[in-house]
PDB file of N, CA and C in Angstrom:
ATOM      1  N   MET A   1     101.560  72.447  83.621  1.00  0.00           N
ATOM      2  CA  MET A   1     101.338  74.026  82.880  1.00  0.00           C
ATOM      3  C   MET A   1     101.131  74.385  81.988  1.00  0.00           C
ATOM      4  N   THR A   2     100.175  75.560  81.920  1.00  0.00           N
ATOM      5  CA  THR A   2      99.429  75.753  80.705  1.00  0.00           C
ATOM      6  C   THR A   2     100.054  77.060  79.854  1.00  0.00           C
ATOM      7  N   PRO A   3      99.852  77.439  78.950  1.00  0.00           N
ATOM      8  CA  PRO A   3     101.060  78.851  78.608  1.00  0.00           C
ATOM      9  C   PRO A   3     100.111  80.216  79.346  1.00  0.00           C
ATOM     10  N   ASP A   4      99.426  80.063  80.047  1.00  0.00           N
ATOM     11  CA  ASP A   4      98.530  81.312  80.373  1.00  0.00           C
ATOM     12  C   ASP A   4      99.535  80.869  81.694  1.00  0.00           C
ATOM     13  N   GLU A   5      99.028  80.228  82.236  1.00  0.00           N
ATOM     14  CA  GLU A   5     100.487  79.945  83.742  1.00  0.00           C
ATOM     15  C   GLU A   5     101.772  80.244  83.374  1.00  0.00           C
ATOM     16  N   LEU A   6     102.562  79.897  82.576  1.00  0.00           N
ATOM     17  CA  LEU A   6     103.678  79.830  82.361  1.00  0.00           C
ATOM     18  C   LEU A   6     104.441  81.566  82.551  1.00  0.00           C
ATOM     19  N   VAL A   7     103.176  82.465  81.490  1.00  0.00           N
ATOM     20  CA  VAL A   7     103.664  83.480  81.893  1.00  0.00           C
ATOM     21  C   VAL A   7     103.622  84.307  83.001  1.00  0.00           C
ATOM     22  N   ARG A   8     102.610  84.178  83.444  1.00  0.00           N
ATOM     23  CA  ARG A   8     102.040  84.348  84.888  1.00  0.00           C
ATOM     24  C   ARG A   8     102.988  83.845  85.860  1.00  0.00           C
ATOM     25  N   THR A   9     103.409  83.093  85.929  1.00  0.00           N
ATOM     26  CA  THR A   9     104.378  82.609  86.668  1.00  0.00           C
ATOM     27  C   THR A   9     106.248  83.643  85.942  1.00  0.00           C
ATOM     28  N   PHE A  10     106.157  83.772  85.107  1.00  0.00           N
ATOM     29  CA  PHE A  10     107.078  84.307  84.065  1.00  0.00           C
ATOM     30  C   PHE A  10     107.027  85.920  85.312  1.00  0.00           C
ATOM     31  N   ILE A  11     106.292  86.176  85.016  1.00  0.00           N
ATOM     32  CA  ILE A  11     105.263  87.592  85.799  1.00  0.00           C
ATOM     33  C   ILE A  11     106.032  87.527  86.812  1.00  0.00           C
ATOM     34  N   ASN A  12     105.555  86.960  87.696  1.00  0.00           N
ATOM     35  CA  ASN A  12     105.848  86.258  88.973  1.00  0.00           C
ATOM     36  C   ASN A  12     107.067  86.810  89.666  1.00  0.00           C
ATOM     37  N   HIS A  13     107.856  86.160  88.888  1.00  0.00           N
ATOM     38  CA  HIS A  13     109.769  86.223  88.909  1.00  0.00           C
ATOM     39  C   HIS A  13     109.830  87.646  88.911  1.00  0.00           C
ATOM     40  N   ILE A  14     109.517  88.455  87.862  1.00  0.00           N
ATOM     41  CA  ILE A  14     109.815  89.521  87.787  1.00  0.00           C
ATOM     42  C   ILE A  14     109.676  90.188  88.409  1.00  0.00           C
ATOM     43  N   GLU A  15     108.176  89.718  89.188  1.00  0.00           N
ATOM     44  CA  GLU A  15     108.030  91.126  90.307  1.00  0.00           C
ATOM     45  C   GLU A  15     108.404  91.080  91.036  1.00  0.00           C
ATOM     46  N   ALA A  16     109.160  89.710  91.606  1.00  0.00           N
ATOM     47  CA  ALA A  16     110.332  89.424  92.992  1.00  0.00           C
ATOM     48  C   ALA A  16     111.905  89.626  92.666  1.00  0.00           C
ATOM     49  N   LYS A  17     111.836  90.081  91.035  1.00  0.00           N
ATOM     50  CA  LYS A  17     113.121  90.769  90.294  1.00  0.00           C
ATOM     51  C   LYS A  17     113.871  89.680  90.705  1.00  0.00           C
ATOM     52  N   ASP A  18     113.645  88.187  90.581  1.00  0.00           N
ATOM     53  CA  ASP A  18     114.470  87.179  90.278  1.00  0.00           C
ATOM     54  C   ASP A  18     114.681  86.846  89.100  1.00  0.00           C
ATOM     55  N   LEU A  19     115.529  87.059  88.080  1.00  0.00           N
ATOM     56  CA  LEU A  19     115.529  87.528  86.728  1.00  0.00           C
ATOM     57  C   LEU A  19     116.380  86.147  86.148  1.00  0.00           C
ATOM     58  N   ASP A  20     116.911  85.394  87.240  1.00  0.00           N
ATOM     59  CA  ASP A  20     117.150  83.961  86.575  1.00  0.00           C
ATOM     60  C   ASP A  20     116.477  83.051  86.703  1.00  0.00           C
ATOM     61  N   ALA A  21     114.534  82.891  87.452  1.00  0.00           N
ATOM     62  CA  ALA A  21     114.501  82.590  87.338  1.00  0.00           C
ATOM     63  C   ALA A  21     113.205  82.669  86.328  1.00  0.00           C
ATOM     64  N   ALA A  22     113.313  83.548  86.357  1.00  0.00           N
ATOM     65  CA  ALA A  22     112.440  84.080  84.927  1.00  0.00           C
ATOM     66  C   ALA A  22     113.112  83.604  83.967  1.00  0.00           C
ATOM     67  N   CYS A  23     114.041  83.716  83.829  1.00  0.00           N
ATOM     68  CA  CYS A  23     114.950  83.773  82.388  1.00  0.00           C
ATOM     69  C   CYS A  23     114.449  81.857  82.219  1.00  0.00           C
ATOM     70  N   ALA A  24     115.098  81.375  83.129  1.00  0.00           N
ATOM     71  CA  ALA A  24     114.732  79.929  83.151  1.00  0.00           C
ATOM     72  C   ALA A  24     113.674  79.195  82.559  1.00  0.00           C
ATOM     73  N   LEU A  25     112.418  79.923  82.418  1.00  0.00           N
ATOM     74  CA  LEU A  25     111.453  79.581  81.356  1.00  0.00           C
ATOM     75  C   LEU A  25     111.212  80.401  80.153  1.00  0.00           C
ATOM     76  N   MET A  26     112.691  80.741  79.495  1.00  0.00           N
ATOM     77  CA  MET A  26     113.051  81.422  78.148  1.00  0.00           C
ATOM     78  C   MET A  26     113.926  80.694  77.612  1.00  0.00           C
ATOM     79  N   SER A  27     113.749  80.449  76.600  1.00  0.00           N
ATOM     80  CA  SER A  27     114.240  79.438  75.518  1.00  0.00           C
ATOM     81  C   SER A  27     115.564  79.864  75.554  1.00  0.00           C
ATOM     82  N   ASP A  28     116.367  79.116  74.910  1.00  0.00           N
ATOM     83  CA  ASP A  28     118.246  79.480  75.068  1.00  0.00           C
ATOM     84  C   ASP A  28     118.624  80.699  74.310  1.00  0.00           C
ATOM     85  N   ASP A  29     117.661  80.862  73.137  1.00  0.00           N
ATOM     86  CA  ASP A  29     117.657  81.689  71.647  1.00  0.00           C
ATOM     87  C   ASP A  29     116.248  82.653  71.686  1.00  0.00           C
ATOM     88  N   CYS A  30     115.753  83.192  72.923  1.00  0.00           N
ATOM     89  CA  CYS A  30     114.614  83.602  72.996  1.00  0.00           C
ATOM     90  C   CYS A  30     114.729  85.606  72.067  1.00  0.00           C
ATOM     91  N   GLU A  31     113.681  85.238  72.157  1.00  0.00           N
ATOM     92  CA  GLU A  31     113.791  86.915  71.304  1.00  0.00           C
ATOM     93  C   GLU A  31     112.965  87.476  71.666  1.00  0.00           C
ATOM     94  N   TYR A  32     113.396  89.040  72.523  1.00  0.00           N
ATOM     95  CA  TYR A  32     113.091  90.067  73.686  1.00  0.00           C
ATOM     96  C   TYR A  32     112.751  91.470  72.505  1.00  0.00           C
ATOM     97  N   ASP A  33     111.423  91.701  72.448  1.00  0.00           N
ATOM     98  CA  ASP A  33     111.101  92.965  71.943  1.00  0.00           C
ATOM     99  C   ASP A  33     110.302  93.904  72.222  1.00  0.00           C
ATOM    100  N   ASN A  34     111.107  94.829  72.442  1.00  0.00           N
ATOM    101  CA  ASN A  34     110.690  96.643  73.207  1.00  0.00           C
ATOM    102  C   ASN A  34     110.111  96.987  72.253  1.00  0.00           C
ATOM    103  N   VAL A  35     109.432  96.833  71.391  1.00  0.00           N
ATOM    104  CA  VAL A  35     109.246  97.488  70.129  1.00  0.00           C
ATOM    105  C   VAL A  35     109.052  98.903  69.884  1.00  0.00           C
ATOM    106  N   PRO A  36     109.454  99.885  70.858  1.00  0.00           N
ATOM    107  CA  PRO A  36     109.676 101.144  70.191  1.00  0.00           C
ATOM    108  C   PRO A  36     111.331 101.356  70.374  1.00  0.00           C
ATOM    109  N   MET A  37     111.433 100.436  71.092  1.00  0.00           N
ATOM    110  CA  MET A  37     113.023 100.615  71.596  1.00  0.00           C
ATOM    111  C   MET A  37     114.027  99.390  71.016  1.00  0.00           C
ATOM    112  N   ALA A  38     114.813  98.383  71.282  1.00  0.00           N
ATOM    113  CA  ALA A  38     116.002  97.480  70.829  1.00  0.00           C
ATOM    114  C   ALA A  38     114.602  95.742  70.853  1.00  0.00           C
ATOM    115  N   LYS A  39     115.786  95.096  69.976  1.00  0.00           N
ATOM    116  CA  LYS A  39     114.975  93.727  70.203  1.00  0.00           C
ATOM    117  C   LYS A  39     116.792  93.143  70.136  1.00  0.00           C
ATOM    118  N   VAL A  40     116.267  91.752  71.670  1.00  0.00           N
ATOM    119  CA  VAL A  40     117.496  91.413  71.557  1.00  0.00           C
ATOM    120  C   VAL A  40     117.219  89.949  71.733  1.00  0.00           C
ATOM    121  N   PHE A  41     118.029  89.586  71.615  1.00  0.00           N
ATOM    122  CA  PHE A  41     118.243  87.250  71.403  1.00  0.00           C
ATOM    123  C   PHE A  41     118.944  86.567  72.267  1.00  0.00           C
ATOM    124  N   GLY A  42     118.532  86.064  72.718  1.00  0.00           N
ATOM    125  CA  GLY A  42     119.318  85.387  74.060  1.00  0.00           C
ATOM    126  C   GLY A  42     119.104  85.806  75.445  1.00  0.00           C
ATOM    127  N   ILE A  43     119.341  84.506  76.818  1.00  0.00           N
ATOM    128  CA  ILE A  43     118.538  84.798  78.035  1.00  0.00           C
ATOM    129  C   ILE A  43     119.637  86.431  77.569  1.00  0.00           C
ATOM    130  N   GLU A  44     121.121  86.159  77.918  1.00  0.00           N
ATOM    131  CA  GLU A  44     121.991  87.176  78.637  1.00  0.00           C
ATOM    132  C   GLU A  44     121.386  88.154  78.386  1.00  0.00           C
ATOM    133  N   ALA A  45     121.620  88.709  76.875  1.00  0.00           N
ATOM    134  CA  ALA A  45     120.642  89.906  76.319  1.00  0.00           C
ATOM    135  C   ALA A  45     119.340  90.592  77.142  1.00  0.00           C
ATOM    136  N   VAL A  46     118.426  89.048  77.383  1.00  0.00           N
ATOM    137  CA  VAL A  46     117.365  89.708  78.465  1.00  0.00           C
ATOM    138  C   VAL A  46     117.911  90.629  79.468  1.00  0.00           C
ATOM    139  N   LYS A  47     118.552  89.648  80.080  1.00  0.00           N
ATOM    140  CA  LYS A  47     119.281  90.216  81.431  1.00  0.00           C
ATOM    141  C   LYS A  47     119.800  91.103  81.695  1.00  0.00           C
ATOM    142  N   GLN A  48     121.201  91.406  80.652  1.00  0.00           N
ATOM    143  CA  GLN A  48     120.958  92.745  80.275  1.00  0.00           C
ATOM    144  C   GLN A  48     120.619  94.357  79.921  1.00  0.00           C
ATOM    145  N   ILE A  49     119.479  93.752  79.326  1.00  0.00           N
ATOM    146  CA  ILE A  49     118.209  95.012  78.966  1.00  0.00           C
ATOM    147  C   ILE A  49     116.589  95.597  80.637  1.00  0.00           C
ATOM    148  N   LEU A  50     116.934  93.978  81.284  1.00  0.00           N
ATOM    149  CA  LEU A  50     116.375  94.214  82.576  1.00  0.00           C
ATOM    150  C   LEU A  50     116.419  94.328  83.683  1.00  0.00           C
ATOM    151  N   GLY A  51     117.934  93.957  83.748  1.00  0.00           N
ATOM    152  CA  GLY A  51     119.020  94.137  84.959  1.00  0.00           C
ATOM    153  C   GLY A  51     118.582  95.809  85.669  1.00  0.00           C
ATOM    154  N   PRO A  52     118.878  96.346  84.739  1.00  0.00           N
ATOM    155  CA  PRO A  52     119.218  97.557  85.483  1.00  0.00           C
ATOM    156  C   PRO A  52     117.549  98.331  86.076  1.00  0.00           C
ATOM    157  N   PHE A  53     116.425  97.687  84.646  1.00  0.00           N
ATOM    158  CA  PHE A  53     115.139  97.973  85.962  1.00  0.00           C
ATOM    159  C   PHE A  53     114.934  97.082  86.912  1.00  0.00           C
ATOM    160  N   THR A  54     115.347  96.185  87.356  1.00  0.00           N
ATOM    161  CA  THR A  54     114.878  95.035  88.726  1.00  0.00           C
ATOM    162  C   THR A  54     115.736  95.883  89.308  1.00  0.00           C
ATOM    163  N   SER A  55     116.925  96.334  89.675  1.00  0.00           N
ATOM    164  CA  SER A  55     117.613  97.019  90.490  1.00  0.00           C
ATOM    165  C   SER A  55     117.789  98.295  90.103  1.00  0.00           C
ATOM    166  N   GLY A  56     117.179  99.024  89.383  1.00  0.00           N
ATOM    167  CA  GLY A  56     116.829 100.647  89.951  1.00  0.00           C
ATOM    168  C   GLY A  56     115.494 100.561  90.031  1.00  0.00           C
ATOM    169  N   CYS A  57     114.723  99.493  90.806  1.00  0.00           N
ATOM    170  CA  CYS A  57     113.772  99.820  91.328  1.00  0.00           C
ATOM    171  C   CYS A  57     113.553  99.924  92.891  1.00  0.00           C
ATOM    172  N   SER A  58     113.250 100.136  94.011  1.00  0.00           N
ATOM    173  CA  SER A  58     112.515  98.646  94.849  1.00  0.00           C
ATOM    174  C   SER A  58     111.122  97.900  95.310  1.00  0.00           C
ATOM    175  N   GLU A  59     110.572  98.066  94.398  1.00  0.00           N
ATOM    176  CA  GLU A  59     109.599  96.925  93.775  1.00  0.00           C
ATOM    177  C   GLU A  59     108.627  97.224  92.728  1.00  0.00           C
ATOM    178  N   ILE A  60     108.023  96.252  91.740  1.00  0.00           N
ATOM    179  CA  ILE A  60     108.091  95.646  90.882  1.00  0.00           C
ATOM    180  C   ILE A  60     105.857  95.310  90.930  1.00  0.00           C
ATOM    181  N   ASP A  61     105.600  95.095  90.028  1.00  0.00           N
ATOM    182  CA  ASP A  61     104.161  95.492  90.120  1.00  0.00           C
ATOM    183  C   ASP A  61     103.918  95.101  88.351  1.00  0.00           C
ATOM    184  N   TRP A  62     103.574  94.240  87.984  1.00  0.00           N
ATOM    185  CA  TRP A  62     102.948  94.070  86.563  1.00  0.00           C
ATOM    186  C   TRP A  62     101.606  93.707  87.018  1.00  0.00           C
ATOM    187  N   VAL A  63     100.212  95.274  86.590  1.00  0.00           N
ATOM    188  CA  VAL A  63      98.958  94.581  86.463  1.00  0.00           C
ATOM    189  C   VAL A  63      98.812  93.846  85.222  1.00  0.00           C
ATOM    190  N   ILE A  64      97.717  92.343  85.277  1.00  0.00           N
ATOM    191  CA  ILE A  64      97.668  92.037  84.517  1.00  0.00           C
ATOM    192  C   ILE A  64      96.062  92.464  83.931  1.00  0.00           C
ATOM    193  N   VAL A  65      95.928  93.860  83.356  1.00  0.00           N
ATOM    194  CA  VAL A  65      94.822  93.632  82.994  1.00  0.00           C
ATOM    195  C   VAL A  65      93.645  93.240  82.420  1.00  0.00           C
ATOM    196  N   ARG A  66      94.334  91.896  80.922  1.00  0.00           N
ATOM    197  CA  ARG A  66      93.504  90.774  80.535  1.00  0.00           C
ATOM    198  C   ARG A  66      94.846  90.503  79.974  1.00  0.00           C
ATOM    199  N   GLN A  67      94.069  88.905  80.286  1.00  0.00           N
ATOM    200  CA  GLN A  67      94.788  87.716  79.270  1.00  0.00           C
ATOM    201  C   GLN A  67      94.491  87.124  78.437  1.00  0.00           C
ATOM    202  N   SER A  68      95.140  86.720  77.274  1.00  0.00           N
ATOM    203  CA  SER A  68      94.299  85.596  76.636  1.00  0.00           C
ATOM    204  C   SER A  68      95.415  84.546  75.978  1.00  0.00           C
ATOM    205  N   ALA A  69      94.843  83.241  76.109  1.00  0.00           N
ATOM    206  CA  ALA A  69      95.737  81.815  75.805  1.00  0.00           C
ATOM    207  C   ALA A  69      95.337  80.617  74.843  1.00  0.00           C
ATOM    208  N   THR A  70      96.539  80.547  73.709  1.00  0.00           N
ATOM    209  CA  THR A  70      95.452  79.744  72.764  1.00  0.00           C
ATOM    210  C   THR A  70      96.749  79.063  72.545  1.00  0.00           C
ATOM    211  N   GLY A  71      96.684  77.378  72.466  1.00  0.00           N
ATOM    212  CA  GLY A  71      97.150  76.452  72.251  1.00  0.00           C
ATOM    213  C   GLY A  71      98.335  75.776  73.013  1.00  0.00           C
ATOM    214  N   ASP A  72      98.964  75.649  73.456  1.00  0.00           N
ATOM    215  CA  ASP A  72      99.377  73.892  74.603  1.00  0.00           C
ATOM    216  C   ASP A  72     101.446  74.625  74.469  1.00  0.00           C
ATOM    217  N   MET A  73     101.501  73.731  75.942  1.00  0.00           N
ATOM    218  CA  MET A  73     103.242  74.080  75.831  1.00  0.00           C
ATOM    219  C   MET A  73     103.816  74.059  74.608  1.00  0.00           C
ATOM    220  N   THR A  74     103.787  72.595  73.678  1.00  0.00           N
ATOM    221  CA  THR A  74     104.377  72.588  72.762  1.00  0.00           C
ATOM    222  C   THR A  74     104.402  74.089  71.196  1.00  0.00           C
ATOM    223  N   SER A  75     103.408  74.614  71.446  1.00  0.00           N
ATOM    224  CA  SER A  75     103.069  75.476  70.685  1.00  0.00           C
ATOM    225  C   SER A  75     102.199  76.614  70.587  1.00  0.00           C
ATOM    226  N   GLY A  76     101.671  77.295  71.338  1.00  0.00           N
ATOM    227  CA  GLY A  76     100.868  78.496  72.133  1.00  0.00           C
ATOM    228  C   GLY A  76     101.189  79.868  72.081  1.00  0.00           C
ATOM    229  N   VAL A  77     100.229  80.809  72.176  1.00  0.00           N
ATOM    230  CA  VAL A  77     100.471  82.269  72.146  1.00  0.00           C
ATOM    231  C   VAL A  77      99.689  83.061  73.199  1.00  0.00           C
ATOM    232  N   VAL A  78     100.443  84.089  74.201  1.00  0.00           N
ATOM    233  CA  VAL A  78      99.872  84.271  75.277  1.00  0.00           C
ATOM    234  C   VAL A  78      99.984  85.579  74.632  1.00  0.00           C
ATOM    235  N   LEU A  79      98.433  86.655  75.551  1.00  0.00           N
ATOM    236  CA  LEU A  79      98.316  87.912  75.087  1.00  0.00           C
ATOM    237  C   LEU A  79      97.812  88.826  75.823  1.00  0.00           C
ATOM    238  N   ASN A  80      97.979  89.270  76.383  1.00  0.00           N
ATOM    239  CA  ASN A  80      98.454  90.217  77.781  1.00  0.00           C
ATOM    240  C   ASN A  80      98.226  91.925  77.463  1.00  0.00           C
ATOM    241  N   GLU A  81      96.666  92.682  77.731  1.00  0.00           N
ATOM    242  CA  GLU A  81      96.946  93.714  78.309  1.00  0.00           C
ATOM    243  C   GLU A  81      97.869  94.502  79.440  1.00  0.00           C
ATOM    244  N   ARG A  82      98.809  95.148  80.261  1.00  0.00           N
ATOM    245  CA  ARG A  82      99.439  95.259  81.607  1.00  0.00           C
ATOM    246  C   ARG A  82      99.726  96.421  81.357  1.00  0.00           C
ATOM    247  N   ILE A  83      99.256  96.639  83.160  1.00  0.00           N
ATOM    248  CA  ILE A  83     100.037  98.449  83.479  1.00  0.00           C
ATOM    249  C   ILE A  83     101.261  97.309  84.235  1.00  0.00           C
ATOM    250  N   ASP A  84     102.566  98.241  83.752  1.00  0.00           N
ATOM    251  CA  ASP A  84     103.738  97.949  84.280  1.00  0.00           C
ATOM    252  C   ASP A  84     104.089  98.690  85.378  1.00  0.00           C
ATOM    253  N   ARG A  85     104.370  98.347  86.338  1.00  0.00           N
ATOM    254  CA  ARG A  85     104.889  99.278  87.261  1.00  0.00           C
ATOM    255  C   ARG A  85     105.761  99.422  88.254  1.00  0.00           C
ATOM    256  N   PHE A  86     107.053 100.844  88.309  1.00  0.00           N
ATOM    257  CA  PHE A  86     108.003 100.213  88.405  1.00  0.00           C
ATOM    258  C   PHE A  86     108.205 101.613  90.192  1.00  0.00           C
ATOM    259  N   LYS A  87     108.216 101.051  91.062  1.00  0.00           N
ATOM    260  CA  LYS A  87     108.215 101.969  92.541  1.00  0.00           C
ATOM    261  C   LYS A  87     109.987 102.599  92.621  1.00  0.00           C
ATOM    262  N   MET A  88     109.873 103.808  92.131  1.00  0.00           N
ATOM    263  CA  MET A  88     111.863 104.437  92.085  1.00  0.00           C
ATOM    264  C   MET A  88     111.751 105.507  92.685  1.00  0.00           C
ATOM    265  N   GLY A  89     112.094 105.272  94.168  1.00  0.00           N
ATOM    266  CA  GLY A  89     112.638 106.276  95.276  1.00  0.00           C
ATOM    267  C   GLY A  89     111.152 106.150  96.099  1.00  0.00           C
ATOM    268  N   GLU A  90     110.427 107.573  96.331  1.00  0.00           N
ATOM    269  CA  GLU A  90     108.893 107.041  96.971  1.00  0.00           C
ATOM    270  C   GLU A  90     108.231 106.950  95.827  1.00  0.00           C
ATOM    271  N   ARG A  91     108.132 107.600  94.121  1.00  0.00           N
ATOM    272  CA  ARG A  91     106.907 107.290  94.037  1.00  0.00           C
ATOM    273  C   ARG A  91     106.713 105.819  92.946  1.00  0.00           C
ATOM    274  N   TRP A  92     105.805 105.990  91.988  1.00  0.00           N
ATOM    275  CA  TRP A  92     105.384 104.483  91.055  1.00  0.00           C
ATOM    276  C   TRP A  92     105.677 105.398  89.876  1.00  0.00           C
ATOM    277  N   VAL A  93     106.334 104.084  89.049  1.00  0.00           N
ATOM    278  CA  VAL A  93     106.165 104.863  86.692  1.00  0.00           C
ATOM    279  C   VAL A  93     105.429 103.625  86.700  1.00  0.00           C
ATOM    280  N   GLU A  94     104.395 104.206  86.072  1.00  0.00           N
ATOM    281  CA  GLU A  94     103.581 103.122  85.217  1.00  0.00           C
ATOM    282  C   GLU A  94     103.750 103.045  83.687  1.00  0.00           C
ATOM    283  N   LEU A  95     103.084 102.162  83.412  1.00  0.00           N
ATOM    284  CA  LEU A  95     103.366 102.003  82.054  1.00  0.00           C
ATOM    285  C   LEU A  95     102.773 101.246  81.243  1.00  0.00           C
ATOM    286  N   PRO A  96     101.154 101.858  80.926  1.00  0.00           N
ATOM    287  CA  PRO A  96     100.282 100.926  79.940  1.00  0.00           C
ATOM    288  C   PRO A  96     101.171  99.726  78.731  1.00  0.00           C
ATOM    289  N   LEU A  97     100.555  98.833  78.808  1.00  0.00           N
ATOM    290  CA  LEU A  97     101.468  97.823  77.146  1.00  0.00           C
ATOM    291  C   LEU A  97     100.666  96.630  77.055  1.00  0.00           C
ATOM    292  N   ALA A  98     100.758  96.465  75.689  1.00  0.00           N
ATOM    293  CA  ALA A  98     100.380  94.776  75.163  1.00  0.00           C
ATOM    294  C   ALA A  98     101.680  94.000  75.417  1.00  0.00           C
ATOM    295  N   GLY A  99     101.503  92.710  75.378  1.00  0.00           N
ATOM    296  CA  GLY A  99     102.235  91.969  75.681  1.00  0.00           C
ATOM    297  C   GLY A  99     101.997  90.383  75.005  1.00  0.00           C
ATOM    298  N   VAL A 100     103.038  89.957  73.727  1.00  0.00           N
ATOM    299  CA  VAL A 100     102.681  88.889  72.939  1.00  0.00           C
ATOM    300  C   VAL A 100     103.867  88.136  73.794  1.00  0.00           C
ATOM    301  N   PHE A 101     103.477  87.020  73.581  1.00  0.00           N
ATOM    302  CA  PHE A 101     104.231  85.956  74.117  1.00  0.00           C
ATOM    303  C   PHE A 101     104.050  84.525  73.107  1.00  0.00           C
ATOM    304  N   GLU A 102     105.087  83.645  72.806  1.00  0.00           N
ATOM    305  CA  GLU A 102     105.374  82.428  72.128  1.00  0.00           C
ATOM    306  C   GLU A 102     105.672  81.840  72.834  1.00  0.00           C
ATOM    307  N   ILE A 103     105.528  80.640  72.618  1.00  0.00           N
ATOM    308  CA  ILE A 103     105.578  79.363  73.765  1.00  0.00           C
ATOM    309  C   ILE A 103     105.806  78.400  72.216  1.00  0.00           C
ATOM    310  N   LYS A 104     107.338  77.901  72.840  1.00  0.00           N
ATOM    311  CA  LYS A 104     107.366  76.740  72.037  1.00  0.00           C
ATOM    312  C   LYS A 104     108.594  75.529  73.163  1.00  0.00           C
ATOM    313  N   ASN A 105     107.806  74.211  72.900  1.00  0.00           N
ATOM    314  CA  ASN A 105     108.451  73.222  73.499  1.00  0.00           C
ATOM    315  C   ASN A 105     108.535  73.710  74.523  1.00  0.00           C
ATOM    316  N   GLY A 106     107.741  74.143  75.763  1.00  0.00           N
ATOM    317  CA  GLY A 106     107.024  74.369  76.702  1.00  0.00           C
ATOM    318  C   GLY A 106     108.557  75.866  77.760  1.00  0.00           C
ATOM    319  N   LYS A 107     108.559  76.611  76.521  1.00  0.00           N
ATOM    320  CA  LYS A 107     109.073  77.896  77.049  1.00  0.00           C
ATOM    321  C   LYS A 107     109.351  78.845  76.304  1.00  0.00           C
ATOM    322  N   ILE A 108     109.459  80.094  76.553  1.00  0.00           N
ATOM    323  CA  ILE A 108     108.832  81.242  75.973  1.00  0.00           C
ATOM    324  C   ILE A 108     110.127  81.443  75.366  1.00  0.00           C
ATOM    325  N   SER A 109     109.624  81.787  73.949  1.00  0.00           N
ATOM    326  CA  SER A 109     110.937  82.017  72.421  1.00  0.00           C
ATOM    327  C   SER A 109     110.984  83.002  72.000  1.00  0.00           C
ATOM    328  N   LEU A 110     109.312  83.842  72.323  1.00  0.00           N
ATOM    329  CA  LEU A 110     109.208  85.478  72.006  1.00  0.00           C
ATOM    330  C   LEU A 110     108.490  85.867  72.948  1.00  0.00           C
ATOM    331  N   TRP A 111     108.789  87.601  73.051  1.00  0.00           N
ATOM    332  CA  TRP A 111     108.110  88.185  74.662  1.00  0.00           C
ATOM    333  C   TRP A 111     108.415  89.603  73.702  1.00  0.00           C
ATOM    334  N   ARG A 112     107.646  90.310  73.459  1.00  0.00           N
ATOM    335  CA  ARG A 112     106.939  91.404  72.619  1.00  0.00           C
ATOM    336  C   ARG A 112     106.341  92.169  73.301  1.00  0.00           C
ATOM    337  N   ASP A 113     106.814  93.019  74.079  1.00  0.00           N
ATOM    338  CA  ASP A 113     105.672  94.149  74.853  1.00  0.00           C
ATOM    339  C   ASP A 113     105.956  96.080  73.190  1.00  0.00           C
ATOM    340  N   TYR A 114     104.819  96.122  73.487  1.00  0.00           N
ATOM    341  CA  TYR A 114     103.921  97.010  72.509  1.00  0.00           C
ATOM    342  C   TYR A 114     103.960  98.718  73.687  1.00  0.00           C
ATOM    343  N   PHE A 115     104.331  99.292  73.721  1.00  0.00           N
ATOM    344  CA  PHE A 115     103.832 100.538  74.449  1.00  0.00           C
ATOM    345  C   PHE A 115     104.278 101.646  73.590  1.00  0.00           C
ATOM    346  N   ASP A 116     103.688 102.928  74.421  1.00  0.00           N
ATOM    347  CA  ASP A 116     104.756 104.436  73.784  1.00  0.00           C
ATOM    348  C   ASP A 116     105.693 104.741  73.835  1.00  0.00           C
ATOM    349  N   LEU A 117     106.384 105.247  73.480  1.00  0.00           N
ATOM    350  CA  LEU A 117     107.727 105.635  73.846  1.00  0.00           C
ATOM    351  C   LEU A 117     107.776 107.006  75.162  1.00  0.00           C
ATOM    352  N   THR A 118     106.558 108.023  74.035  1.00  0.00           N
ATOM    353  CA  THR A 118     106.682 108.980  74.914  1.00  0.00           C
ATOM    354  C   THR A 118     106.200 109.349  76.470  1.00  0.00           C
ATOM    355  N   THR A 119     105.047 108.141  76.183  1.00  0.00           N
ATOM    356  CA  THR A 119     104.542 107.318  77.885  1.00  0.00           C
ATOM    357  C   THR A 119     105.856 107.643  78.555  1.00  0.00           C
ATOM    358  N   PHE A 120     106.074 106.071  78.354  1.00  0.00           N
ATOM    359  CA  PHE A 120     106.546 105.912  79.125  1.00  0.00           C
ATOM    360  C   PHE A 120     108.119 106.990  79.522  1.00  0.00           C
ATOM    361  N   GLN A 121     108.605 107.902  78.617  1.00  0.00           N
ATOM    362  CA  GLN A 121     109.528 108.950  78.470  1.00  0.00           C
ATOM    363  C   GLN A 121     108.997 110.066  79.298  1.00  0.00           C
ATOM    364  N   LYS A 122     107.608 109.940  79.779  1.00  0.00           N
ATOM    365  CA  LYS A 122     107.187 111.242  80.210  1.00  0.00           C
ATOM    366  C   LYS A 122     107.056 110.815  82.086  1.00  0.00           C
ATOM    367  N   ALA A 123     106.922 109.660  81.974  1.00  0.00           N
ATOM    368  CA  ALA A 123     106.645 108.962  83.332  1.00  0.00           C
ATOM    369  C   ALA A 123     108.025 108.472  84.233  1.00  0.00           C
ATOM    370  N   MET A 124     108.867 108.876  82.991  1.00  0.00           N
ATOM    371  CA  MET A 124     110.469 108.633  84.425  1.00  0.00           C
ATOM    372  C   MET A 124     111.041 109.909  84.229  1.00  0.00           C
ATOM    373  N   ALA A 125     110.707 110.982  83.795  1.00  0.00           N
ATOM    374  CA  ALA A 125     110.429 112.250  84.277  1.00  0.00           C
ATOM    375  C   ALA A 125     110.130 112.688  85.446  1.00  0.00           C
ATOM    376  N   GLY A 126     109.101 112.068  85.483  1.00  0.00           N
ATOM    377  CA  GLY A 126     108.126 112.191  86.622  1.00  0.00           C
ATOM    378  C   GLY A 126     107.277 113.984  86.622  1.00  0.00           C
TER     379      GLY A 126
END
């Protein structure tokens, strides 16, 4: 598996709402940073942040617009531009963002998403 494939697999697990499988691809001491919001450390903290999103929507679709990877599974970096889509009730909430993933020793050690908080709040408000 390459860093590119690891991140795509991670996203597929998120879309399937399988947090256990997604988090199995992360290091135990991983850092998850939603830049305009909160930074957390460790798999349990990641699950606490993602749990309400995955359980609060009927479908998840993260569209990778562009993705670039460098390095290998020992030390790699993946950058992507995404549109994260969450189906809530009868409507889709869309959030354009940029993601950074650092890979260390075969696991995602850092996941950082950059997005505009006002755009997210307006999308959630409908």
